[in-house]
Structure formats: C-alpha cells, structure tokens
C-alpha cells in the first residue's frame, strides 16, 4: 500500500505489507521504504501496479478536509475504494489524513486536479467558503465566488477529460437555502427558488455544476442542517446553549430541516454508484421539526435545561445579516470547519426524491439523531 502526493518530485511512501482499513496499526508491523519519484495522479495509480477492481471506485473530492468530507473519505476507504483529495493546502490535508492512517490516499494541490479527475470514477464537489461570520459586501462576494469558481473549475476539468478517462458521475453540493424561507410552506425538489441572497447563490452554484458534459450523470444534493459532534450546526449551537442556559434561537417557531451526518454521507455514497440517483435530491431527514422542539431534544440529550430563548438582538449583534442563514454550508480551505448554521429563519424541506428512491434513513427522527451524536466519542 502507498500514499502518494501528486506533483513532480513528490515522495511516495511504500509499506512492505498490504494494509487495509481499519487504518490504525503499530509502526513495528511494517518495514518502511522511501523513494523519490516524479508522478502525477493518473500515472501514480498505473505505476503502482494496481488494477482497478470491478466494484472499486476512484473518487476525487473537493472539500475533503471539511466536516462532511472527512466522514466521506473514511467511508470510502473503509470499503476499499480509492480516494483523491483535491485541496489547496497539501500540509493541511496531510495533517487531517496522516499517511499511517490513510494508506493509498492521493493528495493533489490545485495544479494537479486535472490529472486526478482524469481516470476517476466520480467527482464529489463539497467546497466553498464558510458563511457563519458577519457579512460584509466583500464576504458576500467571496461566499458566492468561492462556490461558483471551484465548481466551474471542476466542471471544466471534467469536460476537458479524454473520453475514456472522463468521470461518469459528478455529485455537487448545494443547499436548501435555494428555496428561501417560510414558516408555512413545505418545500420539495420541485419547489421554485426563493428571492433572497442565499437563493441567488444556490441558483448560480447549481448552474455552474449543470454545465458538465451531458454524458456525465449529475446529482445536486441540496443539503439541510447537518448534525454531528465534530462540526456543523451543533458546534455553533452547543456553546450558545451553555452561555444562555439552553433554549431556542429567536422565536423557536422556525422550521429546522436537518440530517444526521452519517445519513448525508450514506446518501452521497449511494449516489456515487446507483444510476437512479440523478438531478436534484434534498439532503434532509424525512421529519423536520420546529427549532424549539429540536432545542428541547438537544437540551435533554445534554442534560441541560432548554427554556430561555436566545434573543434575536444578541444573534444579530454577532452575525449581522448572517443571522438569517438557513441550511447553507461551506468548506473553508484554510480553517478546518464545515459550517451549517440556522438561527432566526427557517424552512420545512422534505426529501421527496430520496424517499421515492427508497433511501434508508438511519436517523429519521431528531431525538434519536441527537442522542446518538451526543453519546458518541469524539474522534481524535
């Protein structure tokens, strides 16, 4: 097994023994050999002497170092698929995916993305600047451009691939922010777009992905609020609970369209190999709740009271216009965070397409999802 860093003069680390997940092993169990070589992502796979198995996928991922991306990489490697991490920071990627824990993982900085995309079975695009910060005109511009530019680059690289090396699938993240906000309407994949800033970002984000070659199966996953201990909305909400003794954010009547991180990763995983998955699919659990109910369950899971609302003025003072963010995500290439933040407004989004496809949600109800998350051990 070996881990390769894409680019000329990269170091390839080779083990004498073949090792497959689980990924932890004692150093003494293997003989380490180091050699220098010139390589690229495509040639590295060929030079390794490994042939692609019939059921093996080669998946290139942007945003792989984020909250969701890390879980997806772990899932793919656990099932013995090959993963190529498309990053802007090799050092960051190596700190998150150390060689000893992720043998065979390919890490490519931006100049090498094209060589990695060629020969991949599929590409998963999760990249974008975080939005849980006080918005300024410059920040708003970056929120939009970071998503559109990376998506456009990925699509251009796919479209310029040789036919025999072109990926067959593109899974591109988007967000339920596409629909706008409402306390009364119910949204599914056929609902029209909203008319606010985030809806505009999502429309342009999706339009960039839809420029992909018509022979490539495309899946647009409009993600809701992703729940997990290591990032996302809970990483923002738990400190607020502690500071204000727990309670709903704002009025508490806004809808909270959520999904457990494991269900989202499983949805992406299924979409990679199942040809029935195409077009827009809402990445939300089948049972959205009012935010006050979600906070009640979170307080119960934490063993904390949930009765004092966090005032809107406090949230707006910190986040400004960003306080109305709904079901939106972003992977920062510099900071290790993937943010999903819901505060003052909401929407009730139903995963009609996933239900039609028979996708098996492991956590359809928020109470069980939160109990599972709070009880799990944080990964180091």
Protein backbone atom coordinates (compact mmCIF):
# COMPACT_ATOMS: atom_id res chain seq x y z
CA UNK A 1 0.00 0.00 0.00
CA UNK A 2 1.23 3.54 -0.54
CA UNK A 3 0.23 7.14 -0.14
CA UNK A 4 1.14 9.49 -2.96
CA UNK A 5 1.39 13.24 -3.09
CA UNK A 6 0.56 14.45 -6.57
CA UNK A 7 3.07 16.67 -8.27
CA UNK A 8 6.59 16.41 -9.60
CA UNK A 9 9.23 15.16 -7.25
CA UNK A 10 6.67 14.00 -4.72
CA UNK A 11 7.59 11.43 -2.10
CA UNK A 12 5.95 8.03 -2.28
CA UNK A 13 5.83 6.03 0.95
CA UNK A 14 5.56 2.29 0.46
CA UNK A 15 4.91 -0.43 3.03
CA UNK A 16 6.21 -3.94 2.67
CA UNK A 17 2.89 -5.35 3.82
CA UNK A 18 -0.52 -4.73 2.42
CA UNK A 19 -2.76 -2.92 4.91
CA UNK A 20 -6.44 -2.17 4.55
CA UNK A 21 -8.94 -0.45 6.91
CA UNK A 22 -9.25 -0.36 9.86
CA UNK A 23 -6.44 2.15 9.43
CA UNK A 24 -4.58 2.08 12.78
CA UNK A 25 -1.56 -0.17 13.09
CA UNK A 26 1.72 -0.32 15.05
CA UNK A 27 4.76 1.11 13.28
CA UNK A 28 6.74 -2.02 14.04
CA UNK A 29 4.41 -4.18 11.99
CA UNK A 30 5.69 -2.84 8.70
CA UNK A 31 9.00 -2.11 7.01
CA UNK A 32 9.17 1.48 5.72
CA UNK A 33 10.83 2.26 2.41
CA UNK A 34 11.13 5.76 0.97
CA UNK A 35 11.84 6.62 -2.62
CA UNK A 36 11.67 9.77 -4.71
CA UNK A 37 9.83 9.73 -8.00
CA UNK A 38 8.16 12.03 -10.46
CA UNK A 39 4.49 11.25 -10.65
CA UNK A 40 1.03 12.53 -11.37
CA UNK A 41 -2.29 11.28 -10.07
CA UNK A 42 -3.20 9.21 -13.10
CA UNK A 43 0.24 7.76 -13.60
CA UNK A 44 0.64 7.06 -9.89
CA UNK A 45 -2.25 4.61 -9.99
CA UNK A 46 -0.81 2.92 -13.04
CA UNK A 47 2.75 2.93 -11.74
CA UNK A 48 1.67 1.24 -8.54
CA UNK A 49 0.91 -1.92 -10.42
CA UNK A 50 -2.63 -1.96 -9.06
CA UNK A 51 -5.50 -2.58 -11.42
CA UNK A 52 -8.97 -1.25 -10.70
CA UNK A 53 -11.29 -3.93 -9.39
CA UNK A 54 -14.70 -4.35 -10.95
CA UNK A 55 -16.57 -2.89 -7.97
CA UNK A 56 -13.88 -0.41 -6.93
CA UNK A 57 -14.49 3.32 -7.28
CA UNK A 58 -11.88 6.04 -7.69
CA UNK A 59 -13.37 9.21 -6.23
CA UNK A 60 -11.90 12.71 -6.41
CA UNK A 61 -13.22 15.05 -3.69
CA UNK A 62 -13.07 18.81 -3.17
CA UNK A 63 -13.76 19.93 0.38
CA UNK A 64 -12.48 16.58 1.64
CA UNK A 65 -10.89 18.16 4.72
CA UNK A 66 -14.22 19.52 5.97
CA UNK A 67 -16.79 18.12 8.39
CA UNK A 68 -18.64 16.04 5.78
CA UNK A 69 -15.68 15.43 3.52
CA UNK A 70 -13.66 13.72 6.26
CA UNK A 71 -16.52 11.33 7.00
CA UNK A 72 -16.93 10.57 3.31
CA UNK A 73 -13.23 9.80 2.88
CA UNK A 74 -13.35 7.45 5.87
CA UNK A 75 -16.40 5.66 4.50
CA UNK A 76 -14.92 5.22 1.03
CA UNK A 77 -11.59 3.94 2.32
CA UNK A 78 -13.27 1.60 4.78
CA UNK A 79 -14.99 -0.02 1.79
CA UNK A 80 -11.67 -0.23 -0.09
CA UNK A 81 -12.35 2.45 -2.67
CA UNK A 82 -9.59 4.78 -3.82
CA UNK A 83 -9.80 8.46 -2.88
CA UNK A 84 -8.11 11.52 -4.37
CA UNK A 85 -8.22 14.62 -2.18
CA UNK A 86 -8.32 17.82 -4.25
CA UNK A 87 -7.01 20.56 -1.96
CA UNK A 88 -5.37 23.97 -1.95
CA UNK A 89 -3.18 23.04 1.02
CA UNK A 90 -1.22 19.81 0.97
CA UNK A 91 0.07 20.39 4.50
CA UNK A 92 -3.45 20.81 5.85
CA UNK A 93 -4.65 17.69 4.07
CA UNK A 94 -1.71 15.69 5.46
CA UNK A 95 -2.47 16.90 8.99
CA UNK A 96 -6.05 15.65 8.65
CA UNK A 97 -5.23 12.48 6.70
CA UNK A 98 -1.87 11.24 8.11
CA UNK A 99 -0.11 8.67 6.00
CA UNK A 100 -0.17 5.95 8.64
CA UNK A 101 -3.96 6.14 8.95
CA UNK A 102 -4.83 6.59 5.28
CA UNK A 103 -2.62 4.37 3.11
CA UNK A 104 -3.29 4.72 -0.59
CA UNK A 105 -4.83 8.20 -0.30
CA UNK A 106 -3.81 10.57 -3.09
CA UNK A 107 -3.43 14.26 -2.20
CA UNK A 108 -3.38 16.81 -5.03
CA UNK A 109 -2.94 20.56 -4.92
CA UNK A 110 -4.81 22.68 -7.45
CA UNK A 111 -2.38 22.44 -10.41
CA UNK A 112 -2.75 18.65 -10.29
CA UNK A 113 -6.54 18.49 -10.02
CA UNK A 114 -6.99 17.79 -13.72
CA UNK A 115 -4.67 14.77 -13.67
CA UNK A 116 -6.55 13.37 -10.69
CA UNK A 117 -10.00 13.96 -12.15
CA UNK A 118 -9.00 12.11 -15.32
CA UNK A 119 -9.35 8.43 -14.62
CA UNK A 120 -11.63 8.94 -11.63
CA UNK A 121 -14.92 7.07 -11.48
CA UNK A 122 -16.63 10.06 -9.91
CA UNK A 123 -16.07 13.57 -8.53
CA UNK A 124 -17.68 14.90 -5.33
CA UNK A 125 -17.66 18.70 -5.01
CA UNK A 126 -18.10 19.97 -1.43
CA UNK A 127 -16.04 23.16 -1.49
CA UNK A 128 -16.95 26.73 -0.50
CA UNK A 129 -16.13 29.50 1.99
CA UNK A 130 -17.93 29.31 5.38
CA UNK A 131 -20.80 31.75 5.87
CA UNK A 132 -21.21 31.83 9.66
CA UNK A 133 -19.50 35.17 10.04
CA UNK A 134 -20.58 38.76 10.00
CA UNK A 135 -21.40 39.56 6.39
CA UNK A 136 -19.81 42.47 4.58
CA UNK A 137 -20.03 43.15 0.83
CA UNK A 138 -16.61 41.52 0.49
CA UNK A 139 -17.61 38.43 2.47
CA UNK A 140 -20.84 38.05 0.49
CA UNK A 141 -18.88 38.26 -2.73
CA UNK A 142 -16.46 35.58 -1.51
CA UNK A 143 -19.29 33.30 -0.35
CA UNK A 144 -20.68 33.27 -3.88
CA UNK A 145 -17.46 33.27 -5.85
CA UNK A 146 -15.79 30.52 -3.81
CA UNK A 147 -18.59 28.12 -4.70
CA UNK A 148 -19.00 29.11 -8.31
CA UNK A 149 -15.28 29.26 -9.10
CA UNK A 150 -14.43 25.86 -7.64
CA UNK A 151 -17.49 24.23 -9.21
CA UNK A 152 -16.70 25.81 -12.59
CA UNK A 153 -13.09 24.65 -12.38
CA UNK A 154 -14.15 21.09 -11.58
CA UNK A 155 -16.69 21.07 -14.41
CA UNK A 156 -14.15 22.45 -16.90
CA UNK A 157 -11.65 19.76 -15.91
CA UNK A 158 -14.26 17.03 -16.31
CA UNK A 159 -15.36 18.39 -19.68
CA UNK A 160 -11.77 18.53 -20.96
CA UNK A 161 -11.02 14.95 -19.92
CA UNK A 162 -10.39 12.37 -22.62
CA UNK A 163 -13.48 10.27 -23.25
CA UNK A 164 -12.01 7.07 -21.86
CA UNK A 165 -10.77 8.86 -18.72
CA UNK A 166 -13.80 11.06 -18.07
CA UNK A 167 -15.59 10.55 -14.73
CA UNK A 168 -19.07 9.09 -15.09
CA UNK A 169 -20.61 10.91 -12.12
CA UNK A 170 -20.49 14.39 -10.61
CA UNK A 171 -22.04 14.91 -7.18
CA UNK A 172 -22.14 18.61 -6.39
CA UNK A 173 -23.27 20.04 -3.08
CA UNK A 174 -25.77 22.85 -2.91
CA UNK A 175 -28.14 23.86 -0.10
CA UNK A 176 -31.78 24.10 0.90
CA UNK A 177 -31.15 27.83 1.04
CA UNK A 178 -32.20 27.54 -2.62
CA UNK A 179 -35.85 27.63 -1.54
CA UNK A 180 -35.79 30.77 0.58
CA UNK A 181 -37.50 30.82 3.98
CA UNK A 182 -41.06 30.32 5.19
CA UNK A 183 -42.86 29.26 8.36
CA UNK A 184 -45.87 27.90 6.45
CA UNK A 185 -44.75 26.44 3.11
CA UNK A 186 -43.44 22.92 2.53
CA UNK A 187 -40.59 22.58 0.03
CA UNK A 188 -39.54 19.58 -2.05
CA UNK A 189 -37.25 19.20 -5.06
CA UNK A 190 -39.88 20.65 -7.41
CA UNK A 191 -40.38 23.85 -5.41
CA UNK A 192 -39.25 27.12 -7.03
CA UNK A 193 -36.25 29.08 -5.85
CA UNK A 194 -36.53 31.87 -3.31
CA UNK A 195 -35.66 35.50 -3.94
CA UNK A 196 -33.06 36.24 -1.24
CA UNK A 197 -29.28 36.36 -1.41
CA UNK A 198 -28.67 32.73 -0.48
CA UNK A 199 -31.21 31.50 -3.03
CA UNK A 200 -29.35 33.52 -5.64
CA UNK A 201 -26.05 31.93 -4.60
CA UNK A 202 -27.56 28.45 -4.84
CA UNK A 203 -29.04 29.09 -8.29
CA UNK A 204 -25.69 30.22 -9.68
CA UNK A 205 -23.86 27.44 -7.84
CA UNK A 206 -26.12 24.80 -9.38
CA UNK A 207 -25.96 26.43 -12.81
CA UNK A 208 -22.18 26.09 -12.76
CA UNK A 209 -22.46 22.36 -12.00
CA UNK A 210 -25.09 21.82 -14.70
CA UNK A 211 -22.61 22.86 -17.40
CA UNK A 212 -20.99 19.44 -17.08
CA UNK A 213 -20.87 17.20 -20.13
CA UNK A 214 -24.29 15.65 -20.81
CA UNK A 215 -22.77 12.17 -20.70
CA UNK A 216 -21.86 12.67 -17.03
CA UNK A 217 -24.56 11.74 -14.53
CA UNK A 218 -25.02 14.72 -12.21
CA UNK A 219 -26.51 14.75 -8.72
CA UNK A 220 -27.21 18.04 -6.94
CA UNK A 221 -27.65 17.45 -3.21
CA UNK A 222 -29.45 20.36 -1.54
CA UNK A 223 -28.22 19.89 1.99
CA UNK A 224 -30.08 20.94 5.13
CA UNK A 225 -28.58 21.45 8.58
CA UNK A 226 -26.08 18.64 9.12
CA UNK A 227 -25.89 17.30 12.67
CA UNK A 228 -22.68 15.84 14.04
CA UNK A 229 -20.42 16.30 17.04
CA UNK A 230 -17.31 17.28 15.08
CA UNK A 231 -18.74 20.23 13.19
CA UNK A 232 -21.78 21.85 11.64
CA UNK A 233 -24.72 23.43 13.44
CA UNK A 234 -24.21 21.68 16.78
CA UNK A 235 -20.69 23.08 17.07
CA UNK A 236 -22.31 26.53 16.98
CA UNK A 237 -25.43 25.80 18.99
CA UNK A 238 -23.94 23.95 21.96
CA UNK A 239 -21.79 26.94 23.08
CA UNK A 240 -24.87 29.15 22.83
CA UNK A 241 -26.77 26.67 24.99
CA UNK A 242 -24.02 26.79 27.58
CA UNK A 243 -23.87 30.57 27.54
CA UNK A 244 -27.62 31.15 27.75
CA UNK A 245 -28.55 28.02 29.77
CA UNK A 246 -30.07 26.46 26.65
CA UNK A 247 -33.10 27.40 24.63
CA UNK A 248 -34.45 28.10 21.15
CA UNK A 249 -32.71 30.65 18.95
CA UNK A 250 -35.02 33.55 18.18
CA UNK A 251 -38.72 32.71 18.25
CA UNK A 252 -38.24 28.92 18.13
CA UNK A 253 -41.18 28.57 15.70
CA UNK A 254 -38.96 28.41 12.62
CA UNK A 255 -38.65 25.07 10.86
CA UNK A 256 -35.44 23.12 11.27
CA UNK A 257 -34.68 20.87 8.28
CA UNK A 258 -31.84 18.66 9.41
CA UNK A 259 -29.92 15.48 8.60
CA UNK A 260 -27.52 13.31 10.60
CA UNK A 261 -24.02 13.48 9.10
CA UNK A 262 -23.94 9.69 8.66
CA UNK A 263 -27.17 9.76 6.64
CA UNK A 264 -25.78 12.51 4.41
CA UNK A 265 -22.57 10.57 3.82
CA UNK A 266 -24.60 7.45 3.06
CA UNK A 267 -26.74 9.45 0.62
CA UNK A 268 -23.65 10.68 -1.22
CA UNK A 269 -22.20 7.17 -1.17
CA UNK A 270 -25.37 5.67 -2.65
CA UNK A 271 -25.50 8.38 -5.32
CA UNK A 272 -21.97 7.50 -6.41
CA UNK A 273 -22.89 4.02 -7.56
CA UNK A 274 -26.67 3.98 -8.08
CA UNK A 275 -27.62 5.29 -11.53
CA UNK A 276 -31.18 6.01 -10.35
CA UNK A 277 -29.80 8.91 -8.31
CA UNK A 278 -29.66 11.93 -10.60
CA UNK A 279 -30.78 15.52 -10.68
CA UNK A 280 -31.78 17.36 -7.51
CA UNK A 281 -32.05 15.42 -4.24
CA UNK A 282 -32.77 17.12 -0.92
CA UNK A 283 -30.24 16.08 1.72
CA UNK A 284 -32.61 16.36 4.68
CA UNK A 285 -34.22 13.89 7.09
CA UNK A 286 -37.89 12.98 6.44
CA UNK A 287 -39.09 14.60 9.69
CA UNK A 288 -38.18 18.29 10.01
CA UNK A 289 -39.08 19.89 13.35
CA UNK A 290 -39.67 23.32 14.81
CA UNK A 291 -36.46 24.74 16.22
CA UNK A 292 -37.94 24.84 19.73
CA UNK A 293 -38.52 21.06 19.56
CA UNK A 294 -35.02 20.46 18.31
CA UNK A 295 -33.64 22.55 21.19
CA UNK A 296 -35.76 20.61 23.71
CA UNK A 297 -34.25 17.35 22.46
CA UNK A 298 -30.74 18.83 22.43
CA UNK A 299 -31.12 20.07 26.00
CA UNK A 300 -32.42 16.68 27.09
CA UNK A 301 -29.51 14.90 25.38
CA UNK A 302 -27.03 17.23 27.09
CA UNK A 303 -28.77 17.00 30.45
CA UNK A 304 -29.32 20.75 30.33
CA UNK A 305 -32.49 22.83 30.60
CA UNK A 306 -33.97 24.30 27.44
CA UNK A 307 -36.26 27.16 28.36
CA UNK A 308 -34.54 30.54 27.94
CA UNK A 309 -34.64 31.76 24.33
CA UNK A 310 -31.51 33.29 22.85
CA UNK A 311 -32.64 36.80 21.91
CA UNK A 312 -32.56 37.84 18.27
CA UNK A 313 -30.72 41.03 19.15
CA UNK A 314 -27.81 39.00 20.55
CA UNK A 315 -27.51 36.91 17.39
CA UNK A 316 -27.81 39.89 15.05
CA UNK A 317 -25.20 41.78 17.04
CA UNK A 318 -22.75 38.93 16.38
CA UNK A 319 -23.73 37.80 12.89
CA UNK A 320 -25.46 40.79 11.35
CA UNK A 321 -27.18 39.81 8.11
CA UNK A 322 -25.77 36.29 8.52
CA UNK A 323 -28.22 35.70 11.38
CA UNK A 324 -30.89 34.66 8.88
CA UNK A 325 -28.74 31.93 7.32
CA UNK A 326 -30.71 28.77 6.56
CA UNK A 327 -29.41 25.33 5.67
CA UNK A 328 -26.24 26.51 3.97
CA UNK A 329 -22.79 25.01 4.04
CA UNK A 330 -19.23 25.79 3.15
CA UNK A 331 -15.80 24.22 3.34
CA UNK A 332 -13.01 26.67 4.05
CA UNK A 333 -9.71 25.66 2.52
CA UNK A 334 -7.82 27.34 5.37
CA UNK A 335 -9.84 26.64 8.51
CA UNK A 336 -10.89 23.11 9.42
CA UNK A 337 -14.63 23.67 9.59
CA UNK A 338 -17.69 22.89 7.59
CA UNK A 339 -20.49 25.15 8.81
CA UNK A 340 -24.22 24.66 8.80
CA UNK A 341 -25.97 27.40 10.73
CA UNK A 342 -29.63 28.05 11.35
CA UNK A 343 -30.83 30.84 13.59
CA UNK A 344 -33.63 33.30 13.00
CA UNK A 345 -35.47 32.00 9.93
CA UNK A 346 -36.27 28.51 8.65
CA UNK A 347 -38.00 26.29 6.15
CA UNK A 348 -39.71 22.92 6.07
CA UNK A 349 -37.93 20.81 3.45
CA UNK A 350 -38.97 17.25 2.61
CA UNK A 351 -36.63 14.70 0.93
CA UNK A 352 -39.30 13.57 -1.54
CA UNK A 353 -36.81 12.23 -4.09
CA UNK A 354 -34.77 10.23 -1.56
CA UNK A 355 -37.95 8.67 -0.19
CA UNK A 356 -39.07 7.83 -3.72
CA UNK A 357 -35.73 6.13 -4.34
CA UNK A 358 -36.13 4.11 -1.14
CA UNK A 359 -33.10 5.59 0.60
CA UNK A 360 -32.92 4.04 4.11
CA UNK A 361 -32.52 6.85 6.64
CA UNK A 362 -30.75 5.55 9.72
CA UNK A 363 -31.90 8.56 11.74
CA UNK A 364 -35.34 9.74 10.58
CA UNK A 365 -36.14 11.43 13.92
CA UNK A 366 -34.12 14.22 15.52
CA UNK A 367 -34.35 12.84 19.08
CA UNK A 368 -32.58 9.62 18.16
CA UNK A 369 -30.09 11.50 15.97
CA UNK A 370 -29.10 13.85 18.79
CA UNK A 371 -28.84 11.06 21.36
CA UNK A 372 -26.55 9.15 19.04
CA UNK A 373 -24.37 12.19 18.37
CA UNK A 374 -24.04 13.31 21.99
CA UNK A 375 -23.19 9.79 23.15
CA UNK A 376 -20.52 9.10 20.54
CA UNK A 377 -16.85 9.61 21.33
CA UNK A 378 -15.15 12.49 19.56
CA UNK A 379 -12.59 11.22 17.09
CA UNK A 380 -9.05 12.43 17.62
